[in-house]
PDB file of N, CA and C in Angstrom:
ATOM      1  N   MET A   1      12.655  18.914   1.617  1.00  0.00           N
ATOM      2  CA  MET A   1      12.630  16.772   2.372  1.00  0.00           C
ATOM      3  C   MET A   1      14.089  16.472   1.336  1.00  0.00           C
ATOM      4  N   ALA A   2      15.438  16.106   2.721  1.00  0.00           N
ATOM      5  CA  ALA A   2      16.007  15.305   2.245  1.00  0.00           C
ATOM      6  C   ALA A   2      16.077  14.392   1.812  1.00  0.00           C
ATOM      7  N   GLN A   3      16.931  13.933   0.960  1.00  0.00           N
ATOM      8  CA  GLN A   3      16.323  12.618  -0.188  1.00  0.00           C
ATOM      9  C   GLN A   3      17.190  10.907   1.182  1.00  0.00           C
ATOM     10  N   MET A   4      16.190  10.286   1.148  1.00  0.00           N
ATOM     11  CA  MET A   4      16.451   9.462   2.579  1.00  0.00           C
ATOM     12  C   MET A   4      16.945   8.399   1.608  1.00  0.00           C
ATOM     13  N   ARG A   5      18.253   7.386   2.041  1.00  0.00           N
ATOM     14  CA  ARG A   5      19.163   6.029   2.195  1.00  0.00           C
ATOM     15  C   ARG A   5      17.435   4.597   1.834  1.00  0.00           C
ATOM     16  N   ARG A   6      17.350   4.092   1.232  1.00  0.00           N
ATOM     17  CA  ARG A   6      16.123   3.046   1.032  1.00  0.00           C
ATOM     18  C   ARG A   6      17.049   1.913   2.133  1.00  0.00           C
ATOM     19  N   GLN A   7      16.057   1.518   2.858  1.00  0.00           N
ATOM     20  CA  GLN A   7      16.638   0.128   3.503  1.00  0.00           C
ATOM     21  C   GLN A   7      15.498  -1.212   3.105  1.00  0.00           C
ATOM     22  N   SER A   8      15.877  -2.581   3.964  1.00  0.00           N
ATOM     23  CA  SER A   8      15.187  -3.134   3.543  1.00  0.00           C
ATOM     24  C   SER A   8      15.146  -3.995   4.562  1.00  0.00           C
ATOM     25  N   GLY A   9      14.388  -4.587   4.443  1.00  0.00           N
ATOM     26  CA  GLY A   9      13.954  -5.307   6.164  1.00  0.00           C
ATOM     27  C   GLY A   9      12.462  -6.648   5.907  1.00  0.00           C
ATOM     28  N   THR A  10      11.818  -6.995   6.955  1.00  0.00           N
ATOM     29  CA  THR A  10      10.967  -7.821   6.875  1.00  0.00           C
ATOM     30  C   THR A  10       9.922  -7.353   7.753  1.00  0.00           C
ATOM     31  N   VAL A  11       9.160  -7.598   7.607  1.00  0.00           N
ATOM     32  CA  VAL A  11       7.493  -6.943   8.029  1.00  0.00           C
ATOM     33  C   VAL A  11       7.663  -8.537   9.877  1.00  0.00           C
ATOM     34  N   LYS A  12       7.510  -7.609  10.700  1.00  0.00           N
ATOM     35  CA  LYS A  12       7.827  -8.311  11.525  1.00  0.00           C
ATOM     36  C   LYS A  12       5.861  -9.082  12.046  1.00  0.00           C
ATOM     37  N   TRP A  13       4.793  -7.936  12.087  1.00  0.00           N
ATOM     38  CA  TRP A  13       4.208  -8.190  12.007  1.00  0.00           C
ATOM     39  C   TRP A  13       3.281  -6.315  11.849  1.00  0.00           C
ATOM     40  N   PHE A  14       1.668  -6.905  11.391  1.00  0.00           N
ATOM     41  CA  PHE A  14       1.538  -5.557  10.923  1.00  0.00           C
ATOM     42  C   PHE A  14      -0.702  -5.921  10.901  1.00  0.00           C
ATOM     43  N   SER A  15      -0.895  -5.009  11.821  1.00  0.00           N
ATOM     44  CA  SER A  15      -1.986  -5.255  12.144  1.00  0.00           C
ATOM     45  C   SER A  15      -3.267  -4.376  11.435  1.00  0.00           C
ATOM     46  N   GLY A  16      -3.982  -4.865  10.458  1.00  0.00           N
ATOM     47  CA  GLY A  16      -4.500  -4.279   9.379  1.00  0.00           C
ATOM     48  C   GLY A  16      -6.415  -3.862   9.901  1.00  0.00           C
ATOM     49  N   GLN A  17      -6.627  -4.698  11.580  1.00  0.00           N
ATOM     50  CA  GLN A  17      -7.629  -3.423  11.768  1.00  0.00           C
ATOM     51  C   GLN A  17      -7.232  -2.291  12.150  1.00  0.00           C
ATOM     52  N   LYS A  18      -5.540  -2.145  13.194  1.00  0.00           N
ATOM     53  CA  LYS A  18      -5.722  -1.142  13.707  1.00  0.00           C
ATOM     54  C   LYS A  18      -3.968  -0.222  13.337  1.00  0.00           C
ATOM     55  N   GLY A  19      -3.854  -1.037  11.474  1.00  0.00           N
ATOM     56  CA  GLY A  19      -3.344   0.154  10.667  1.00  0.00           C
ATOM     57  C   GLY A  19      -1.922   0.560  11.259  1.00  0.00           C
ATOM     58  N   PHE A  20      -1.498  -0.492  11.734  1.00  0.00           N
ATOM     59  CA  PHE A  20      -0.325  -0.027  12.656  1.00  0.00           C
ATOM     60  C   PHE A  20       1.031  -1.799  12.758  1.00  0.00           C
ATOM     61  N   GLY A  21       2.132  -1.873  12.527  1.00  0.00           N
ATOM     62  CA  GLY A  21       2.968  -2.943  13.054  1.00  0.00           C
ATOM     63  C   GLY A  21       4.283  -2.603  12.716  1.00  0.00           C
ATOM     64  N   PHE A  22       5.374  -3.618  13.032  1.00  0.00           N
ATOM     65  CA  PHE A  22       6.969  -2.967  13.225  1.00  0.00           C
ATOM     66  C   PHE A  22       7.417  -4.146  12.222  1.00  0.00           C
ATOM     67  N   ILE A  23       8.673  -3.768  11.802  1.00  0.00           N
ATOM     68  CA  ILE A  23       9.561  -3.914  10.592  1.00  0.00           C
ATOM     69  C   ILE A  23      10.879  -4.190  11.274  1.00  0.00           C
ATOM     70  N   ALA A  24      11.237  -5.357  10.971  1.00  0.00           N
ATOM     71  CA  ALA A  24      13.164  -5.634  11.459  1.00  0.00           C
ATOM     72  C   ALA A  24      13.583  -5.211  10.042  1.00  0.00           C
ATOM     73  N   PRO A  25      14.284  -4.413  10.178  1.00  0.00           N
ATOM     74  CA  PRO A  25      15.245  -4.027   9.505  1.00  0.00           C
ATOM     75  C   PRO A  25      16.777  -5.413   9.236  1.00  0.00           C
ATOM     76  N   ASP A  26      16.809  -5.432   7.764  1.00  0.00           N
ATOM     77  CA  ASP A  26      18.299  -6.665   7.568  1.00  0.00           C
ATOM     78  C   ASP A  26      19.467  -6.004   8.350  1.00  0.00           C
ATOM     79  N   SER A  27      20.002  -4.755   8.360  1.00  0.00           N
ATOM     80  CA  SER A  27      20.305  -4.227   8.889  1.00  0.00           C
ATOM     81  C   SER A  27      21.036  -4.735  10.884  1.00  0.00           C
ATOM     82  N   GLY A  28      19.665  -4.945  11.680  1.00  0.00           N
ATOM     83  CA  GLY A  28      19.883  -5.305  12.751  1.00  0.00           C
ATOM     84  C   GLY A  28      19.395  -3.573  13.316  1.00  0.00           C
ATOM     85  N   GLY A  29      18.829  -3.219  14.644  1.00  0.00           N
ATOM     86  CA  GLY A  29      18.520  -2.839  15.415  1.00  0.00           C
ATOM     87  C   GLY A  29      17.266  -2.480  15.881  1.00  0.00           C
ATOM     88  N   GLU A  30      16.597  -1.831  16.243  1.00  0.00           N
ATOM     89  CA  GLU A  30      15.382  -2.170  16.533  1.00  0.00           C
ATOM     90  C   GLU A  30      14.446  -2.235  15.864  1.00  0.00           C
ATOM     91  N   ASP A  31      13.684  -3.030  16.045  1.00  0.00           N
ATOM     92  CA  ASP A  31      12.281  -2.196  14.802  1.00  0.00           C
ATOM     93  C   ASP A  31      11.801  -0.974  15.036  1.00  0.00           C
ATOM     94  N   LEU A  32      11.329  -1.214  13.468  1.00  0.00           N
ATOM     95  CA  LEU A  32      10.889   0.466  13.558  1.00  0.00           C
ATOM     96  C   LEU A  32       9.628  -0.137  12.989  1.00  0.00           C
ATOM     97  N   PHE A  33       8.767   1.208  14.054  1.00  0.00           N
ATOM     98  CA  PHE A  33       6.811   1.195  13.550  1.00  0.00           C
ATOM     99  C   PHE A  33       7.100   1.691  12.317  1.00  0.00           C
ATOM    100  N   VAL A  34       5.977   1.200  11.792  1.00  0.00           N
ATOM    101  CA  VAL A  34       5.409   1.335  10.382  1.00  0.00           C
ATOM    102  C   VAL A  34       3.571   1.699  10.655  1.00  0.00           C
ATOM    103  N   HIS A  35       2.910   2.558  10.602  1.00  0.00           N
ATOM    104  CA  HIS A  35       1.595   3.232   9.743  1.00  0.00           C
ATOM    105  C   HIS A  35       1.325   2.760   8.356  1.00  0.00           C
ATOM    106  N   GLN A  36      -0.489   3.001   7.990  1.00  0.00           N
ATOM    107  CA  GLN A  36      -0.569   1.975   7.354  1.00  0.00           C
ATOM    108  C   GLN A  36      -0.714   3.204   6.224  1.00  0.00           C
ATOM    109  N   THR A  37      -0.258   4.639   7.395  1.00  0.00           N
ATOM    110  CA  THR A  37      -0.433   5.571   5.690  1.00  0.00           C
ATOM    111  C   THR A  37       1.219   5.780   5.564  1.00  0.00           C
ATOM    112  N   SER A  38       1.618   5.115   5.534  1.00  0.00           N
ATOM    113  CA  SER A  38       3.291   5.353   5.099  1.00  0.00           C
ATOM    114  C   SER A  38       3.505   4.292   3.700  1.00  0.00           C
ATOM    115  N   ILE A  39       2.509   3.544   3.843  1.00  0.00           N
ATOM    116  CA  ILE A  39       3.005   2.326   2.887  1.00  0.00           C
ATOM    117  C   ILE A  39       2.513   2.434   1.407  1.00  0.00           C
ATOM    118  N   ARG A  40       3.076   2.739   0.694  1.00  0.00           N
ATOM    119  CA  ARG A  40       2.773   2.905  -0.999  1.00  0.00           C
ATOM    120  C   ARG A  40       2.312   2.066  -1.766  1.00  0.00           C
ATOM    121  N   SER A  41       0.751   1.243  -1.329  1.00  0.00           N
ATOM    122  CA  SER A  41       0.118   0.367  -2.459  1.00  0.00           C
ATOM    123  C   SER A  41      -0.993   0.976  -3.427  1.00  0.00           C
ATOM    124  N   ASP A  42      -1.378   0.757  -4.353  1.00  0.00           N
ATOM    125  CA  ASP A  42      -2.603   1.095  -5.396  1.00  0.00           C
ATOM    126  C   ASP A  42      -3.952   0.579  -4.650  1.00  0.00           C
ATOM    127  N   GLY A  43      -4.038  -0.358  -3.918  1.00  0.00           N
ATOM    128  CA  GLY A  43      -5.119  -1.290  -2.596  1.00  0.00           C
ATOM    129  C   GLY A  43      -5.335  -0.928  -1.517  1.00  0.00           C
ATOM    130  N   PHE A  44      -5.761  -1.786  -0.374  1.00  0.00           N
ATOM    131  CA  PHE A  44      -6.177  -1.626   0.960  1.00  0.00           C
ATOM    132  C   PHE A  44      -4.584  -1.431   1.678  1.00  0.00           C
ATOM    133  N   ARG A  45      -4.028  -1.281   1.840  1.00  0.00           N
ATOM    134  CA  ARG A  45      -2.525  -0.125   2.335  1.00  0.00           C
ATOM    135  C   ARG A  45      -2.466  -1.243   3.434  1.00  0.00           C
ATOM    136  N   THR A  46      -2.068  -2.716   3.616  1.00  0.00           N
ATOM    137  CA  THR A  46      -1.214  -2.989   4.410  1.00  0.00           C
ATOM    138  C   THR A  46      -0.325  -4.458   4.277  1.00  0.00           C
ATOM    139  N   LEU A  47       0.571  -4.661   5.527  1.00  0.00           N
ATOM    140  CA  LEU A  47       1.251  -5.593   5.171  1.00  0.00           C
ATOM    141  C   LEU A  47       1.274  -7.129   5.248  1.00  0.00           C
ATOM    142  N   SER A  48       1.980  -7.944   4.764  1.00  0.00           N
ATOM    143  CA  SER A  48       1.406  -9.285   5.954  1.00  0.00           C
ATOM    144  C   SER A  48       3.117 -10.011   6.564  1.00  0.00           C
ATOM    145  N   GLU A  49       2.892 -10.620   7.757  1.00  0.00           N
ATOM    146  CA  GLU A  49       3.779 -11.261   8.319  1.00  0.00           C
ATOM    147  C   GLU A  49       4.815 -11.704   7.894  1.00  0.00           C
ATOM    148  N   GLY A  50       6.086 -11.962   7.693  1.00  0.00           N
ATOM    149  CA  GLY A  50       7.134 -12.349   6.404  1.00  0.00           C
ATOM    150  C   GLY A  50       7.144 -11.267   5.482  1.00  0.00           C
ATOM    151  N   ASP A  51       6.829 -10.441   4.988  1.00  0.00           N
ATOM    152  CA  ASP A  51       6.389  -9.880   3.847  1.00  0.00           C
ATOM    153  C   ASP A  51       8.491  -9.528   3.489  1.00  0.00           C
ATOM    154  N   PRO A  52       8.747  -9.239   2.878  1.00  0.00           N
ATOM    155  CA  PRO A  52       9.868  -8.510   2.844  1.00  0.00           C
ATOM    156  C   PRO A  52       9.578  -7.059   2.219  1.00  0.00           C
ATOM    157  N   VAL A  53       9.984  -5.650   2.865  1.00  0.00           N
ATOM    158  CA  VAL A  53       9.962  -4.679   2.113  1.00  0.00           C
ATOM    159  C   VAL A  53      11.648  -3.618   2.305  1.00  0.00           C
ATOM    160  N   GLU A  54      10.706  -2.603   1.473  1.00  0.00           N
ATOM    161  CA  GLU A  54      11.808  -1.439   1.101  1.00  0.00           C
ATOM    162  C   GLU A  54      11.154  -0.274   1.181  1.00  0.00           C
ATOM    163  N   PHE A  55      12.293   0.383   2.336  1.00  0.00           N
ATOM    164  CA  PHE A  55      11.635   1.877   3.548  1.00  0.00           C
ATOM    165  C   PHE A  55      12.773   2.461   3.758  1.00  0.00           C
ATOM    166  N   SER A  56      12.020   4.066   4.157  1.00  0.00           N
ATOM    167  CA  SER A  56      13.089   4.959   4.334  1.00  0.00           C
ATOM    168  C   SER A  56      12.844   4.854   6.054  1.00  0.00           C
ATOM    169  N   VAL A  57      13.639   6.026   6.387  1.00  0.00           N
ATOM    170  CA  VAL A  57      13.536   6.001   7.674  1.00  0.00           C
ATOM    171  C   VAL A  57      13.270   7.413   8.473  1.00  0.00           C
ATOM    172  N   SER A  58      12.294   7.256   9.125  1.00  0.00           N
ATOM    173  CA  SER A  58      12.415   8.966   9.687  1.00  0.00           C
ATOM    174  C   SER A  58      11.734   8.950  10.964  1.00  0.00           C
ATOM    175  N   ASN A  59      13.155  10.422  11.221  1.00  0.00           N
ATOM    176  CA  ASN A  59      13.197  10.550  12.762  1.00  0.00           C
ATOM    177  C   ASN A  59      12.374  11.811  13.426  1.00  0.00           C
ATOM    178  N   GLU A  60      11.143  11.827  12.729  1.00  0.00           N
ATOM    179  CA  GLU A  60      10.600  13.443  13.329  1.00  0.00           C
ATOM    180  C   GLU A  60      10.010  13.056  14.416  1.00  0.00           C
ATOM    181  N   GLY A  61       9.576  14.241  14.734  1.00  0.00           N
ATOM    182  CA  GLY A  61       8.825  13.947  16.322  1.00  0.00           C
ATOM    183  C   GLY A  61       9.744  13.380  17.209  1.00  0.00           C
ATOM    184  N   GLY A  62      10.722  13.353  17.091  1.00  0.00           N
ATOM    185  CA  GLY A  62      11.460  12.534  18.181  1.00  0.00           C
ATOM    186  C   GLY A  62      11.213  11.107  17.932  1.00  0.00           C
ATOM    187  N   ARG A  63      10.558  10.404  17.502  1.00  0.00           N
ATOM    188  CA  ARG A  63      10.330   9.250  16.712  1.00  0.00           C
ATOM    189  C   ARG A  63      10.818   8.438  15.826  1.00  0.00           C
ATOM    190  N   THR A  64      11.313   6.988  15.107  1.00  0.00           N
ATOM    191  CA  THR A  64      12.360   6.852  14.898  1.00  0.00           C
ATOM    192  C   THR A  64      11.059   5.909  13.760  1.00  0.00           C
ATOM    193  N   ARG A  65      10.850   6.242  12.562  1.00  0.00           N
ATOM    194  CA  ARG A  65       9.447   4.786  11.654  1.00  0.00           C
ATOM    195  C   ARG A  65      10.110   4.917  10.902  1.00  0.00           C
ATOM    196  N   ALA A  66       9.044   3.855  10.002  1.00  0.00           N
ATOM    197  CA  ALA A  66       9.847   3.633   8.667  1.00  0.00           C
ATOM    198  C   ALA A  66       8.575   4.615   7.868  1.00  0.00           C
ATOM    199  N   VAL A  67       9.044   5.021   7.049  1.00  0.00           N
ATOM    200  CA  VAL A  67       8.293   5.863   6.517  1.00  0.00           C
ATOM    201  C   VAL A  67       8.252   5.311   4.386  1.00  0.00           C
ATOM    202  N   ASP A  68       7.550   5.582   3.797  1.00  0.00           N
ATOM    203  CA  ASP A  68       7.487   5.493   1.839  1.00  0.00           C
ATOM    204  C   ASP A  68       8.020   3.706   1.745  1.00  0.00           C
ATOM    205  N   VAL A  69       6.982   3.128   2.590  1.00  0.00           N
ATOM    206  CA  VAL A  69       7.453   1.231   2.334  1.00  0.00           C
ATOM    207  C   VAL A  69       6.541   0.939   1.114  1.00  0.00           C
ATOM    208  N   THR A  70       7.025   0.121   0.865  1.00  0.00           N
ATOM    209  CA  THR A  70       7.106  -1.299  -0.813  1.00  0.00           C
ATOM    210  C   THR A  70       6.981  -1.895  -0.878  1.00  0.00           C
ATOM    211  N   SER A  71       6.439  -3.443  -0.681  1.00  0.00           N
ATOM    212  CA  SER A  71       6.450  -4.699  -0.487  1.00  0.00           C
ATOM    213  C   SER A  71       7.553  -5.136  -1.765  1.00  0.00           C
ATOM    214  N   SER A  72       7.999  -5.602  -0.967  1.00  0.00           N
ATOM    215  CA  SER A  72       9.069  -6.075  -2.350  1.00  0.00           C
ATOM    216  C   SER A  72       8.995  -7.868  -2.827  1.00  0.00           C
ATOM    217  N   SER A  73       7.137  -8.179  -2.269  1.00  0.00           N
ATOM    218  CA  SER A  73       6.779  -9.469  -2.786  1.00  0.00           C
ATOM    219  C   SER A  73       6.181  -9.001  -3.819  1.00  0.00           C
ATOM    220  N   SER A  74       5.544 -10.638  -4.440  1.00  0.00           N
ATOM    221  CA  SER A  74       4.736 -10.202  -5.193  1.00  0.00           C
ATOM    222  C   SER A  74       3.153 -10.169  -4.957  1.00  0.00           C
ATOM    223  N   SER A  75       3.174 -10.233  -3.689  1.00  0.00           N
ATOM    224  CA  SER A  75       1.695  -9.826  -3.328  1.00  0.00           C
ATOM    225  C   SER A  75       1.608  -8.436  -2.163  1.00  0.00           C
ATOM    226  N   ALA A  76       2.147  -7.787  -2.891  1.00  0.00           N
ATOM    227  CA  ALA A  76       2.039  -6.280  -2.913  1.00  0.00           C
ATOM    228  C   ALA A  76       0.821  -5.409  -3.242  1.00  0.00           C
ATOM    229  N   GLY A  77      -0.314  -4.504  -2.177  1.00  0.00           N
ATOM    230  CA  GLY A  77      -0.944  -4.360  -2.311  1.00  0.00           C
ATOM    231  C   GLY A  77      -2.178  -4.942  -2.049  1.00  0.00           C
ATOM    232  N   GLY A  78      -2.379  -6.557  -2.159  1.00  0.00           N
ATOM    233  CA  GLY A  78      -3.318  -7.834  -1.733  1.00  0.00           C
ATOM    234  C   GLY A  78      -3.672  -8.444  -0.941  1.00  0.00           C
ATOM    235  N   GLY A  79      -2.904  -7.353   0.157  1.00  0.00           N
ATOM    236  CA  GLY A  79      -3.567  -7.992   1.317  1.00  0.00           C
ATOM    237  C   GLY A  79      -5.112  -7.695   2.013  1.00  0.00           C
ATOM    238  N   GLY A  80      -5.549  -8.709   2.842  1.00  0.00           N
ATOM    239  CA  GLY A  80      -6.856  -8.737   3.108  1.00  0.00           C
ATOM    240  C   GLY A  80      -7.619  -9.480   1.301  1.00  0.00           C
ATOM    241  N   GLY A  81      -6.970  -9.899   0.722  1.00  0.00           N
ATOM    242  CA  GLY A  81      -7.710  -9.820  -0.487  1.00  0.00           C
ATOM    243  C   GLY A  81      -8.393  -8.511  -1.135  1.00  0.00           C
ATOM    244  N   ARG A  82      -8.495  -7.696  -0.972  1.00  0.00           N
ATOM    245  CA  ARG A  82      -8.839  -6.454  -1.458  1.00  0.00           C
ATOM    246  C   ARG A  82      -7.942  -5.642  -2.243  1.00  0.00           C
ATOM    247  N   GLY A  83      -6.892  -5.680  -2.894  1.00  0.00           N
ATOM    248  CA  GLY A  83      -5.567  -5.053  -3.454  1.00  0.00           C
ATOM    249  C   GLY A  83      -6.050  -5.206  -5.175  1.00  0.00           C
ATOM    250  N   SER A  84      -7.247  -6.551  -5.996  1.00  0.00           N
ATOM    251  CA  SER A  84      -7.576  -6.928  -6.868  1.00  0.00           C
ATOM    252  C   SER A  84      -9.021  -5.774  -6.760  1.00  0.00           C
ATOM    253  N   GLY A  85      -9.211  -6.107  -8.192  1.00  0.00           N
ATOM    254  CA  GLY A  85     -10.634  -6.154  -8.620  1.00  0.00           C
ATOM    255  C   GLY A  85     -10.796  -4.803  -8.583  1.00  0.00           C
ATOM    256  N   GLY A  86     -10.626  -4.216  -8.044  1.00  0.00           N
ATOM    257  CA  GLY A  86     -11.352  -3.065  -8.504  1.00  0.00           C
ATOM    258  C   GLY A  86     -12.797  -2.339  -7.834  1.00  0.00           C
ATOM    259  N   GLY A  87     -13.581  -3.053  -6.729  1.00  0.00           N
ATOM    260  CA  GLY A  87     -14.376  -2.483  -6.333  1.00  0.00           C
ATOM    261  C   GLY A  87     -15.248  -2.108  -7.486  1.00  0.00           C
ATOM    262  N   GLY A  88     -15.565  -2.457  -8.574  1.00  0.00           N
ATOM    263  CA  GLY A  88     -16.656  -2.390  -9.377  1.00  0.00           C
ATOM    264  C   GLY A  88     -17.260  -0.864 -10.265  1.00  0.00           C
ATOM    265  N   TYR A  89     -15.859   0.078  -9.177  1.00  0.00           N
ATOM    266  CA  TYR A  89     -16.426   1.667  -9.615  1.00  0.00           C
ATOM    267  C   TYR A  89     -15.620   1.814 -10.727  1.00  0.00           C
ATOM    268  N   GLY A  90     -15.978   2.611 -11.329  1.00  0.00           N
ATOM    269  CA  GLY A  90     -15.973   3.175 -12.522  1.00  0.00           C
ATOM    270  C   GLY A  90     -15.440   2.790 -13.789  1.00  0.00           C
ATOM    271  N   ARG A  91     -16.148   1.437 -14.370  1.00  0.00           N
ATOM    272  CA  ARG A  91     -16.506   0.622 -14.590  1.00  0.00           C
ATOM    273  C   ARG A  91     -18.251   0.275 -16.019  1.00  0.00           C
ATOM    274  N   VAL A  92     -18.666   1.338 -16.019  1.00  0.00           N
ATOM    275  CA  VAL A  92     -19.828   1.356 -16.876  1.00  0.00           C
ATOM    276  C   VAL A  92     -19.128   2.626 -18.297  1.00  0.00           C
ATOM    277  N   GLY A  93     -19.281   1.546 -19.019  1.00  0.00           N
ATOM    278  CA  GLY A  93     -18.986   2.579 -19.884  1.00  0.00           C
ATOM    279  C   GLY A  93     -17.391   1.638 -20.851  1.00  0.00           C
ATOM    280  N   ARG A  94     -17.329   0.803 -20.180  1.00  0.00           N
ATOM    281  CA  ARG A  94     -15.685   0.534 -20.217  1.00  0.00           C
ATOM    282  C   ARG A  94     -15.981  -1.061 -21.323  1.00  0.00           C
ATOM    283  N   ALA A  95     -17.257  -1.748 -20.902  1.00  0.00           N
ATOM    284  CA  ALA A  95     -17.298  -3.188 -21.088  1.00  0.00           C
ATOM    285  C   ALA A  95     -18.041  -2.265 -23.033  1.00  0.00           C
ATOM    286  N   SER A  96     -17.312  -3.496 -24.181  1.00  0.00           N
ATOM    287  CA  SER A  96     -16.883  -3.184 -25.017  1.00  0.00           C
ATOM    288  C   SER A  96     -18.756  -3.617 -25.754  1.00  0.00           C
ATOM    289  N   GLY A  97     -18.648  -3.230 -26.540  1.00  0.00           N
ATOM    290  CA  GLY A  97     -20.331  -3.683 -27.532  1.00  0.00           C
ATOM    291  C   GLY A  97     -20.845  -3.558 -26.716  1.00  0.00           C
ATOM    292  N   GLY A  98     -21.478  -3.216 -25.462  1.00  0.00           N
ATOM    293  CA  GLY A  98     -22.153  -3.203 -24.498  1.00  0.00           C
ATOM    294  C   GLY A  98     -23.295  -2.115 -25.524  1.00  0.00           C
ATOM    295  N   GLY A  99     -22.822  -0.848 -25.505  1.00  0.00           N
ATOM    296  CA  GLY A  99     -23.592   0.035 -25.621  1.00  0.00           C
ATOM    297  C   GLY A  99     -23.805   1.067 -24.439  1.00  0.00           C
ATOM    298  N   ARG A 100     -23.253   1.347 -23.462  1.00  0.00           N
ATOM    299  CA  ARG A 100     -23.754   1.307 -22.033  1.00  0.00           C
ATOM    300  C   ARG A 100     -22.549   3.593 -22.347  1.00  0.00           C
ATOM    301  N   ILE A 101     -21.666   3.125 -23.162  1.00  0.00           N
ATOM    302  CA  ILE A 101     -21.219   4.062 -23.246  1.00  0.00           C
ATOM    303  C   ILE A 101     -21.678   5.501 -23.472  1.00  0.00           C
ATOM    304  N   GLY A 102     -22.109   6.897 -22.105  1.00  0.00           N
ATOM    305  CA  GLY A 102     -22.369   7.992 -22.412  1.00  0.00           C
ATOM    306  C   GLY A 102     -23.583   8.064 -21.794  1.00  0.00           C
ATOM    307  N   ARG A 103     -24.336   7.171 -21.307  1.00  0.00           N
ATOM    308  CA  ARG A 103     -25.483   6.252 -19.977  1.00  0.00           C
ATOM    309  C   ARG A 103     -25.480   7.168 -19.114  1.00  0.00           C
ATOM    310  N   GLY A 104     -26.715   7.977 -18.650  1.00  0.00           N
ATOM    311  CA  GLY A 104     -26.853   8.292 -17.034  1.00  0.00           C
ATOM    312  C   GLY A 104     -25.400   8.996 -16.875  1.00  0.00           C
ATOM    313  N   TYR A 105     -24.735   9.649 -17.220  1.00  0.00           N
ATOM    314  CA  TYR A 105     -23.970  10.668 -17.330  1.00  0.00           C
ATOM    315  C   TYR A 105     -24.005  12.340 -17.994  1.00  0.00           C
ATOM    316  N   GLY A 106     -25.400  12.486 -18.701  1.00  0.00           N
ATOM    317  CA  GLY A 106     -25.902  13.778 -18.744  1.00  0.00           C
ATOM    318  C   GLY A 106     -25.693  13.447 -20.097  1.00  0.00           C
ATOM    319  N   GLY A 107     -24.432  12.941 -20.739  1.00  0.00           N
ATOM    320  CA  GLY A 107     -24.040  13.201 -22.404  1.00  0.00           C
ATOM    321  C   GLY A 107     -24.237  12.512 -23.330  1.00  0.00           C
ATOM    322  N   SER A 108     -24.610  12.789 -24.686  1.00  0.00           N
ATOM    323  CA  SER A 108     -25.297  11.979 -25.612  1.00  0.00           C
ATOM    324  C   SER A 108     -24.022  10.852 -25.895  1.00  0.00           C
ATOM    325  N   ALA A 109     -24.419   9.640 -26.403  1.00  0.00           N
ATOM    326  CA  ALA A 109     -24.579   7.965 -26.514  1.00  0.00           C
ATOM    327  C   ALA A 109     -24.076   8.384 -27.735  1.00  0.00           C
ATOM    328  N   ASN A 110     -24.140   9.406 -28.868  1.00  0.00           N
ATOM    329  CA  ASN A 110     -23.754   9.498 -30.294  1.00  0.00           C
ATOM    330  C   ASN A 110     -22.368  10.655 -30.580  1.00  0.00           C
TER     331      ASN A 110
END
């Protein structure tokens, strides 16, 4: 895949429920469609209206869209309050001094 030049813009609107929205490029021109699968984030992939973002532009299939989208704000990945906290998965065995390491996984605690 060819290297694409990064651009910056602002989220015009984004629906976490529908999984898509639009970005207004800082350079002007038409607003760009963005799908949740094009957002690079560790948590719940969403954007908030007014968030500054960086992205590349793709013209695949005759449709212009923003891809490889990253938030430039400190709230990146925190949309909907689900971006932090870890959901409790993978926490067993991480507590120090709790004596839980190795239990329930068929391994020996010794």
